[in-house]
Amino acid sequence: MFKALGTQVLIVMGSLSVWFDEEGDFLEVVSEGRKGFFRDLGNGVFERVDEEGNTIGFALLNVKERKERDIPFDAKFEKAVS
């Protein structure tokens, strides 16, 4: 699902949700349907964790300053196997 809301974009890919707010310059990538909270890692980087402390997403402030290519861009996400 792709939904544009003015300067905000929501993309849902399976259980992964990507939210970009161009005006707020904010990007969030999170596993859908899982409750959690953000830990501030500093420098505008946040880790989203569930109640057990497992990483379920991340968020970035000031995305435009960090990017090396235009937004939107194609990305491939794979589940890490340990």
PDB file of N, CA and C in Angstrom:
ATOM      1  N   MET A   1       0.841  -1.171   0.000  1.00  0.00           N
ATOM      2  CA  MET A   1       0.000   0.000   0.000  1.00  0.00           C
ATOM      3  C   MET A   1       0.886   1.233   0.000  1.00  0.00           C
ATOM      4  N   PHE A   2       0.532   2.205  -0.803  1.00  0.00           N
ATOM      5  CA  PHE A   2       1.229   3.489  -0.877  1.00  0.00           C
ATOM      6  C   PHE A   2       0.187   4.571  -0.712  1.00  0.00           C
ATOM      7  N   LYS A   3       0.395   5.485   0.221  1.00  0.00           N
ATOM      8  CA  LYS A   3      -0.583   6.531   0.455  1.00  0.00           C
ATOM      9  C   LYS A   3       0.143   7.854   0.637  1.00  0.00           C
ATOM     10  N   ALA A   4      -0.125   8.812  -0.235  1.00  0.00           N
ATOM     11  CA  ALA A   4       0.469  10.140  -0.122  1.00  0.00           C
ATOM     12  C   ALA A   4      -0.524  11.060   0.568  1.00  0.00           C
ATOM     13  N   LEU A   5      -0.052  11.771   1.568  1.00  0.00           N
ATOM     14  CA  LEU A   5      -0.888  12.681   2.336  1.00  0.00           C
ATOM     15  C   LEU A   5      -0.220  14.050   2.330  1.00  0.00           C
ATOM     16  N   GLY A   6      -0.325  14.778   1.238  1.00  0.00           N
ATOM     17  CA  GLY A   6       0.364  16.059   1.138  1.00  0.00           C
ATOM     18  C   GLY A   6       1.852  15.850   1.099  1.00  0.00           C
ATOM     19  N   THR A   7       2.548  16.310   2.139  1.00  0.00           N
ATOM     20  CA  THR A   7       3.999  16.134   2.195  1.00  0.00           C
ATOM     21  C   THR A   7       4.372  14.898   3.003  1.00  0.00           C
ATOM     22  N   GLN A   8       3.390  14.035   3.306  1.00  0.00           N
ATOM     23  CA  GLN A   8       3.642  12.829   4.080  1.00  0.00           C
ATOM     24  C   GLN A   8       3.347  11.601   3.231  1.00  0.00           C
ATOM     25  N   VAL A   9       4.154  10.569   3.369  1.00  0.00           N
ATOM     26  CA  VAL A   9       3.986   9.337   2.593  1.00  0.00           C
ATOM     27  C   VAL A   9       4.024   8.145   3.550  1.00  0.00           C
ATOM     28  N   LEU A  10       3.060   7.246   3.396  1.00  0.00           N
ATOM     29  CA  LEU A  10       3.025   6.012   4.162  1.00  0.00           C
ATOM     30  C   LEU A  10       3.085   4.854   3.180  1.00  0.00           C
ATOM     31  N   ILE A  11       4.035   3.948   3.388  1.00  0.00           N
ATOM     32  CA  ILE A  11       4.175   2.755   2.557  1.00  0.00           C
ATOM     33  C   ILE A  11       4.138   1.548   3.486  1.00  0.00           C
ATOM     34  N   VAL A  12       3.255   0.601   3.190  1.00  0.00           N
ATOM     35  CA  VAL A  12       3.177  -0.618   3.985  1.00  0.00           C
ATOM     36  C   VAL A  12       3.574  -1.785   3.097  1.00  0.00           C
ATOM     37  N   MET A  13       4.611  -2.533   3.514  1.00  0.00           N
ATOM     38  CA  MET A  13       5.121  -3.673   2.753  1.00  0.00           C
ATOM     39  C   MET A  13       5.084  -4.888   3.663  1.00  0.00           C
ATOM     40  N   GLY A  14       4.045  -5.692   3.519  1.00  0.00           N
ATOM     41  CA  GLY A  14       3.913  -6.847   4.412  1.00  0.00           C
ATOM     42  C   GLY A  14       3.750  -6.368   5.831  1.00  0.00           C
ATOM     43  N   SER A  15       4.669  -6.737   6.694  1.00  0.00           N
ATOM     44  CA  SER A  15       4.592  -6.312   8.085  1.00  0.00           C
ATOM     45  C   SER A  15       5.480  -5.103   8.373  1.00  0.00           C
ATOM     46  N   LEU A  16       6.020  -4.470   7.340  1.00  0.00           N
ATOM     47  CA  LEU A  16       6.913  -3.325   7.505  1.00  0.00           C
ATOM     48  C   LEU A  16       6.209  -2.053   7.050  1.00  0.00           C
ATOM     49  N   SER A  17       6.252  -1.032   7.890  1.00  0.00           N
ATOM     50  CA  SER A  17       5.636   0.254   7.585  1.00  0.00           C
ATOM     51  C   SER A  17       6.718   1.319   7.494  1.00  0.00           C
ATOM     52  N   VAL A  18       6.699   2.099   6.413  1.00  0.00           N
ATOM     53  CA  VAL A  18       7.655   3.184   6.216  1.00  0.00           C
ATOM     54  C   VAL A  18       6.876   4.486   6.149  1.00  0.00           C
ATOM     55  N   TRP A  19       7.204   5.431   7.005  1.00  0.00           N
ATOM     56  CA  TRP A  19       6.505   6.711   7.073  1.00  0.00           C
ATOM     57  C   TRP A  19       7.528   7.812   6.859  1.00  0.00           C
ATOM     58  N   PHE A  20       7.277   8.694   5.865  1.00  0.00           N
ATOM     59  CA  PHE A  20       8.162   9.832   5.623  1.00  0.00           C
ATOM     60  C   PHE A  20       7.337  11.103   5.609  1.00  0.00           C
ATOM     61  N   ASP A  21       7.709  12.046   6.434  1.00  0.00           N
ATOM     62  CA  ASP A  21       7.068  13.356   6.491  1.00  0.00           C
ATOM     63  C   ASP A  21       8.074  14.371   5.959  1.00  0.00           C
ATOM     64  N   GLU A  22       7.858  14.795   4.721  1.00  0.00           N
ATOM     65  CA  GLU A  22       8.812  15.704   4.066  1.00  0.00           C
ATOM     66  C   GLU A  22       8.885  17.042   4.787  1.00  0.00           C
ATOM     67  N   GLU A  23       7.748  17.589   5.167  1.00  0.00           N
ATOM     68  CA  GLU A  23       7.726  18.887   5.832  1.00  0.00           C
ATOM     69  C   GLU A  23       8.418  18.813   7.203  1.00  0.00           C
ATOM     70  N   GLY A  24       8.159  17.739   7.943  1.00  0.00           N
ATOM     71  CA  GLY A  24       8.792  17.554   9.251  1.00  0.00           C
ATOM     72  C   GLY A  24      10.187  16.972   9.153  1.00  0.00           C
ATOM     73  N   ASP A  25      10.582  16.520   7.944  1.00  0.00           N
ATOM     74  CA  ASP A  25      11.894  15.928   7.676  1.00  0.00           C
ATOM     75  C   ASP A  25      12.155  14.755   8.618  1.00  0.00           C
ATOM     76  N   PHE A  26      11.183  13.822   8.648  1.00  0.00           N
ATOM     77  CA  PHE A  26      11.172  12.705   9.589  1.00  0.00           C
ATOM     78  C   PHE A  26      10.887  11.409   8.854  1.00  0.00           C
ATOM     79  N   LEU A  27      11.676  10.374   9.114  1.00  0.00           N
ATOM     80  CA  LEU A  27      11.497   9.051   8.518  1.00  0.00           C
ATOM     81  C   LEU A  27      11.363   8.026   9.631  1.00  0.00           C
ATOM     82  N   GLU A  28      10.337   7.159   9.494  1.00  0.00           N
ATOM     83  CA  GLU A  28      10.157   6.079  10.470  1.00  0.00           C
ATOM     84  C   GLU A  28       9.941   4.773   9.733  1.00  0.00           C
ATOM     85  N   VAL A  29      10.650   3.731  10.142  1.00  0.00           N
ATOM     86  CA  VAL A  29      10.495   2.381   9.596  1.00  0.00           C
ATOM     87  C   VAL A  29      10.227   1.482  10.792  1.00  0.00           C
ATOM     88  N   VAL A  30       9.082   0.782  10.764  1.00  0.00           N
ATOM     89  CA  VAL A  30       8.693  -0.008  11.932  1.00  0.00           C
ATOM     90  C   VAL A  30       7.928  -1.252  11.514  1.00  0.00           C
ATOM     91  N   SER A  31       8.056  -2.285  12.314  1.00  0.00           N
ATOM     92  CA  SER A  31       7.309  -3.521  12.110  1.00  0.00           C
ATOM     93  C   SER A  31       5.860  -3.264  12.503  1.00  0.00           C
ATOM     94  N   GLU A  32       4.933  -3.501  11.581  1.00  0.00           N
ATOM     95  CA  GLU A  32       3.508  -3.236  11.796  1.00  0.00           C
ATOM     96  C   GLU A  32       2.934  -4.111  12.902  1.00  0.00           C
ATOM     97  N   GLY A  33       1.998  -3.549  13.634  1.00  0.00           N
ATOM     98  CA  GLY A  33       1.239  -4.306  14.606  1.00  0.00           C
ATOM     99  C   GLY A  33       1.977  -4.655  15.884  1.00  0.00           C
ATOM    100  N   ARG A  34       3.131  -4.070  16.094  1.00  0.00           N
ATOM    101  CA  ARG A  34       3.890  -4.363  17.316  1.00  0.00           C
ATOM    102  C   ARG A  34       4.016  -3.096  18.142  1.00  0.00           C
ATOM    103  N   LYS A  35       3.624  -3.182  19.386  1.00  0.00           N
ATOM    104  CA  LYS A  35       3.719  -2.042  20.285  1.00  0.00           C
ATOM    105  C   LYS A  35       5.157  -1.870  20.728  1.00  0.00           C
ATOM    106  N   GLY A  36       5.534  -0.613  20.941  1.00  0.00           N
ATOM    107  CA  GLY A  36       6.874  -0.341  21.390  1.00  0.00           C
ATOM    108  C   GLY A  36       7.061   1.121  21.720  1.00  0.00           C
ATOM    109  N   PHE A  37       8.294   1.477  21.977  1.00  0.00           N
ATOM    110  CA  PHE A  37       8.635   2.854  22.287  1.00  0.00           C
ATOM    111  C   PHE A  37       9.999   3.163  21.680  1.00  0.00           C
ATOM    112  N   PHE A  38      10.313   4.467  21.588  1.00  0.00           N
ATOM    113  CA  PHE A  38      11.574   4.890  21.001  1.00  0.00           C
ATOM    114  C   PHE A  38      12.630   5.129  22.077  1.00  0.00           C
ATOM    115  N   ARG A  39      13.857   4.698  21.770  1.00  0.00           N
ATOM    116  CA  ARG A  39      15.031   5.038  22.560  1.00  0.00           C
ATOM    117  C   ARG A  39      15.826   6.055  21.754  1.00  0.00           C
ATOM    118  N   ASP A  40      16.182   7.158  22.389  1.00  0.00           N
ATOM    119  CA  ASP A  40      16.963   8.201  21.729  1.00  0.00           C
ATOM    120  C   ASP A  40      18.423   7.772  21.708  1.00  0.00           C
ATOM    121  N   LEU A  41      18.959   7.534  20.504  1.00  0.00           N
ATOM    122  CA  LEU A  41      20.353   7.132  20.352  1.00  0.00           C
ATOM    123  C   LEU A  41      21.275   8.324  20.137  1.00  0.00           C
ATOM    124  N   GLY A  42      20.680   9.512  20.055  1.00  0.00           N
ATOM    125  CA  GLY A  42      21.459  10.733  19.840  1.00  0.00           C
ATOM    126  C   GLY A  42      21.535  11.117  18.382  1.00  0.00           C
ATOM    127  N   ASN A  43      21.826  12.385  18.136  1.00  0.00           N
ATOM    128  CA  ASN A  43      22.010  12.904  16.787  1.00  0.00           C
ATOM    129  C   ASN A  43      20.785  12.684  15.894  1.00  0.00           C
ATOM    130  N   GLY A  44      19.575  12.731  16.488  1.00  0.00           N
ATOM    131  CA  GLY A  44      18.352  12.583  15.699  1.00  0.00           C
ATOM    132  C   GLY A  44      18.047  11.169  15.251  1.00  0.00           C
ATOM    133  N   VAL A  45      18.679  10.176  15.893  1.00  0.00           N
ATOM    134  CA  VAL A  45      18.456   8.766  15.551  1.00  0.00           C
ATOM    135  C   VAL A  45      17.749   8.105  16.738  1.00  0.00           C
ATOM    136  N   PHE A  46      16.671   7.362  16.430  1.00  0.00           N
ATOM    137  CA  PHE A  46      15.882   6.697  17.460  1.00  0.00           C
ATOM    138  C   PHE A  46      15.691   5.230  17.095  1.00  0.00           C
ATOM    139  N   GLU A  47      15.787   4.373  18.081  1.00  0.00           N
ATOM    140  CA  GLU A  47      15.549   2.941  17.902  1.00  0.00           C
ATOM    141  C   GLU A  47      14.183   2.634  18.504  1.00  0.00           C
ATOM    142  N   ARG A  48      13.317   1.949  17.764  1.00  0.00           N
ATOM    143  CA  ARG A  48      12.023   1.531  18.305  1.00  0.00           C
ATOM    144  C   ARG A  48      12.186   0.109  18.824  1.00  0.00           C
ATOM    145  N   VAL A  49      11.824  -0.106  20.093  1.00  0.00           N
ATOM    146  CA  VAL A  49      11.961  -1.415  20.720  1.00  0.00           C
ATOM    147  C   VAL A  49      10.626  -1.860  21.298  1.00  0.00           C
ATOM    148  N   ASP A  50      10.434  -3.178  21.383  1.00  0.00           N
ATOM    149  CA  ASP A  50       9.225  -3.709  22.009  1.00  0.00           C
ATOM    150  C   ASP A  50       9.449  -3.808  23.516  1.00  0.00           C
ATOM    151  N   GLU A  51       8.463  -4.331  24.229  1.00  0.00           N
ATOM    152  CA  GLU A  51       8.535  -4.401  25.693  1.00  0.00           C
ATOM    153  C   GLU A  51       9.675  -5.289  26.190  1.00  0.00           C
ATOM    154  N   GLU A  52      10.139  -6.231  25.353  1.00  0.00           N
ATOM    155  CA  GLU A  52      11.252  -7.101  25.725  1.00  0.00           C
ATOM    156  C   GLU A  52      12.612  -6.510  25.340  1.00  0.00           C
ATOM    157  N   GLY A  53      12.610  -5.362  24.691  1.00  0.00           N
ATOM    158  CA  GLY A  53      13.855  -4.718  24.287  1.00  0.00           C
ATOM    159  C   GLY A  53      14.352  -5.098  22.911  1.00  0.00           C
ATOM    160  N   ASN A  54      13.531  -5.844  22.127  1.00  0.00           N
ATOM    161  CA  ASN A  54      13.910  -6.214  20.760  1.00  0.00           C
ATOM    162  C   ASN A  54      13.698  -5.039  19.813  1.00  0.00           C
ATOM    163  N   THR A  55      14.626  -4.817  18.925  1.00  0.00           N
ATOM    164  CA  THR A  55      14.499  -3.746  17.941  1.00  0.00           C
ATOM    165  C   THR A  55      13.400  -4.096  16.951  1.00  0.00           C
ATOM    166  N   ILE A  56      12.444  -3.176  16.787  1.00  0.00           N
ATOM    167  CA  ILE A  56      11.348  -3.388  15.837  1.00  0.00           C
ATOM    168  C   ILE A  56      11.246  -2.243  14.833  1.00  0.00           C
ATOM    169  N   GLY A  57      12.196  -1.319  14.869  1.00  0.00           N
ATOM    170  CA  GLY A  57      12.178  -0.230  13.910  1.00  0.00           C
ATOM    171  C   GLY A  57      13.175   0.852  14.278  1.00  0.00           C
ATOM    172  N   PHE A  58      13.128   1.938  13.513  1.00  0.00           N
ATOM    173  CA  PHE A  58      13.992   3.087  13.774  1.00  0.00           C
ATOM    174  C   PHE A  58      13.341   4.337  13.205  1.00  0.00           C
ATOM    175  N   ALA A  59      13.839   5.475  13.626  1.00  0.00           N
ATOM    176  CA  ALA A  59      13.360   6.759  13.115  1.00  0.00           C
ATOM    177  C   ALA A  59      14.545   7.705  12.999  1.00  0.00           C
ATOM    178  N   LEU A  60      14.465   8.603  12.027  1.00  0.00           N
ATOM    179  CA  LEU A  60      15.513   9.591  11.786  1.00  0.00           C
ATOM    180  C   LEU A  60      14.907  10.974  11.655  1.00  0.00           C
ATOM    181  N   LEU A  61      15.505  11.952  12.308  1.00  0.00           N
ATOM    182  CA  LEU A  61      15.176  13.351  12.104  1.00  0.00           C
ATOM    183  C   LEU A  61      16.196  13.932  11.133  1.00  0.00           C
ATOM    184  N   ASN A  62      15.845  15.019  10.474  1.00  0.00           N
ATOM    185  CA  ASN A  62      16.750  15.696   9.535  1.00  0.00           C
ATOM    186  C   ASN A  62      17.234  14.761   8.439  1.00  0.00           C
ATOM    187  N   VAL A  63      16.299  14.055   7.820  1.00  0.00           N
ATOM    188  CA  VAL A  63      16.614  13.060   6.795  1.00  0.00           C
ATOM    189  C   VAL A  63      17.304  13.696   5.594  1.00  0.00           C
ATOM    190  N   LYS A  64      16.833  14.866   5.177  1.00  0.00           N
ATOM    191  CA  LYS A  64      17.386  15.506   3.976  1.00  0.00           C
ATOM    192  C   LYS A  64      18.874  15.795   4.108  1.00  0.00           C
ATOM    193  N   GLU A  65      19.333  16.096   5.310  1.00  0.00           N
ATOM    194  CA  GLU A  65      20.763  16.353   5.535  1.00  0.00           C
ATOM    195  C   GLU A  65      21.582  15.079   5.433  1.00  0.00           C
ATOM    196  N   ARG A  66      20.971  13.924   5.678  1.00  0.00           N
ATOM    197  CA  ARG A  66      21.677  12.651   5.724  1.00  0.00           C
ATOM    198  C   ARG A  66      21.698  11.907   4.401  1.00  0.00           C
ATOM    199  N   LYS A  67      20.788  12.226   3.517  1.00  0.00           N
ATOM    200  CA  LYS A  67      20.604  11.398   2.323  1.00  0.00           C
ATOM    201  C   LYS A  67      21.686  11.634   1.274  1.00  0.00           C
ATOM    202  N   GLU A  68      21.973  10.568   0.546  1.00  0.00           N
ATOM    203  CA  GLU A  68      22.930  10.631  -0.549  1.00  0.00           C
ATOM    204  C   GLU A  68      22.237  10.550  -1.895  1.00  0.00           C
ATOM    205  N   ARG A  69      20.930  10.250  -1.887  1.00  0.00           N
ATOM    206  CA  ARG A  69      20.173  10.181  -3.130  1.00  0.00           C
ATOM    207  C   ARG A  69      18.785  10.757  -2.894  1.00  0.00           C
ATOM    208  N   ASP A  70      18.079  11.027  -3.960  1.00  0.00           N
ATOM    209  CA  ASP A  70      16.762  11.623  -3.848  1.00  0.00           C
ATOM    210  C   ASP A  70      15.770  10.669  -3.191  1.00  0.00           C
ATOM    211  N   ILE A  71      14.813  11.239  -2.498  1.00  0.00           N
ATOM    212  CA  ILE A  71      13.723  10.477  -1.901  1.00  0.00           C
ATOM    213  C   ILE A  71      12.513  10.683  -2.795  1.00  0.00           C
ATOM    214  N   PRO A  72      11.743   9.698  -3.159  1.00  0.00           N
ATOM    215  CA  PRO A  72      11.862   8.310  -2.717  1.00  0.00           C
ATOM    216  C   PRO A  72      12.936   7.562  -3.490  1.00  0.00           C
ATOM    217  N   PHE A  73      13.358   6.420  -2.940  1.00  0.00           N
ATOM    218  CA  PHE A  73      14.319   5.553  -3.595  1.00  0.00           C
ATOM    219  C   PHE A  73      13.944   4.111  -3.307  1.00  0.00           C
ATOM    220  N   ASP A  74      14.429   3.203  -4.134  1.00  0.00           N
ATOM    221  CA  ASP A  74      14.142   1.785  -3.953  1.00  0.00           C
ATOM    222  C   ASP A  74      15.053   1.222  -2.860  1.00  0.00           C
ATOM    223  N   ALA A  75      14.498   0.345  -2.065  1.00  0.00           N
ATOM    224  CA  ALA A  75      15.275  -0.310  -1.013  1.00  0.00           C
ATOM    225  C   ALA A  75      14.819  -1.752  -0.895  1.00  0.00           C
ATOM    226  N   LYS A  76      15.721  -2.629  -0.491  1.00  0.00           N
ATOM    227  CA  LYS A  76      15.404  -4.033  -0.286  1.00  0.00           C
ATOM    228  C   LYS A  76      15.672  -4.355   1.181  1.00  0.00           C
ATOM    229  N   PHE A  77      14.684  -4.935   1.849  1.00  0.00           N
ATOM    230  CA  PHE A  77      14.822  -5.296   3.251  1.00  0.00           C
ATOM    231  C   PHE A  77      14.797  -6.817   3.360  1.00  0.00           C
ATOM    232  N   GLU A  78      15.747  -7.359   4.090  1.00  0.00           N
ATOM    233  CA  GLU A  78      15.807  -8.797   4.307  1.00  0.00           C
ATOM    234  C   GLU A  78      15.908  -9.069   5.787  1.00  0.00           C
ATOM    235  N   LYS A  79      15.282 -10.138   6.231  1.00  0.00           N
ATOM    236  CA  LYS A  79      15.346 -10.526   7.626  1.00  0.00           C
ATOM    237  C   LYS A  79      16.720 -11.122   7.910  1.00  0.00           C
ATOM    238  N   ALA A  80      17.373 -10.604   8.947  1.00  0.00           N
ATOM    239  CA  ALA A  80      18.681 -11.114   9.320  1.00  0.00           C
ATOM    240  C   ALA A  80      18.532 -12.441  10.037  1.00  0.00           C
ATOM    241  N   VAL A  81      19.409 -13.363   9.729  1.00  0.00           N
ATOM    242  CA  VAL A  81      19.401 -14.683  10.363  1.00  0.00           C
ATOM    243  C   VAL A  81      20.648 -14.783  11.220  1.00  0.00           C
ATOM    244  N   SER A  82      20.443 -15.111  12.498  1.00  0.00           N
ATOM    245  CA  SER A  82      21.612 -15.205  13.393  1.00  0.00           C
ATOM    246  C   SER A  82      21.977 -16.635  13.686  1.00  0.00           C
TER     247      SER A  82
END
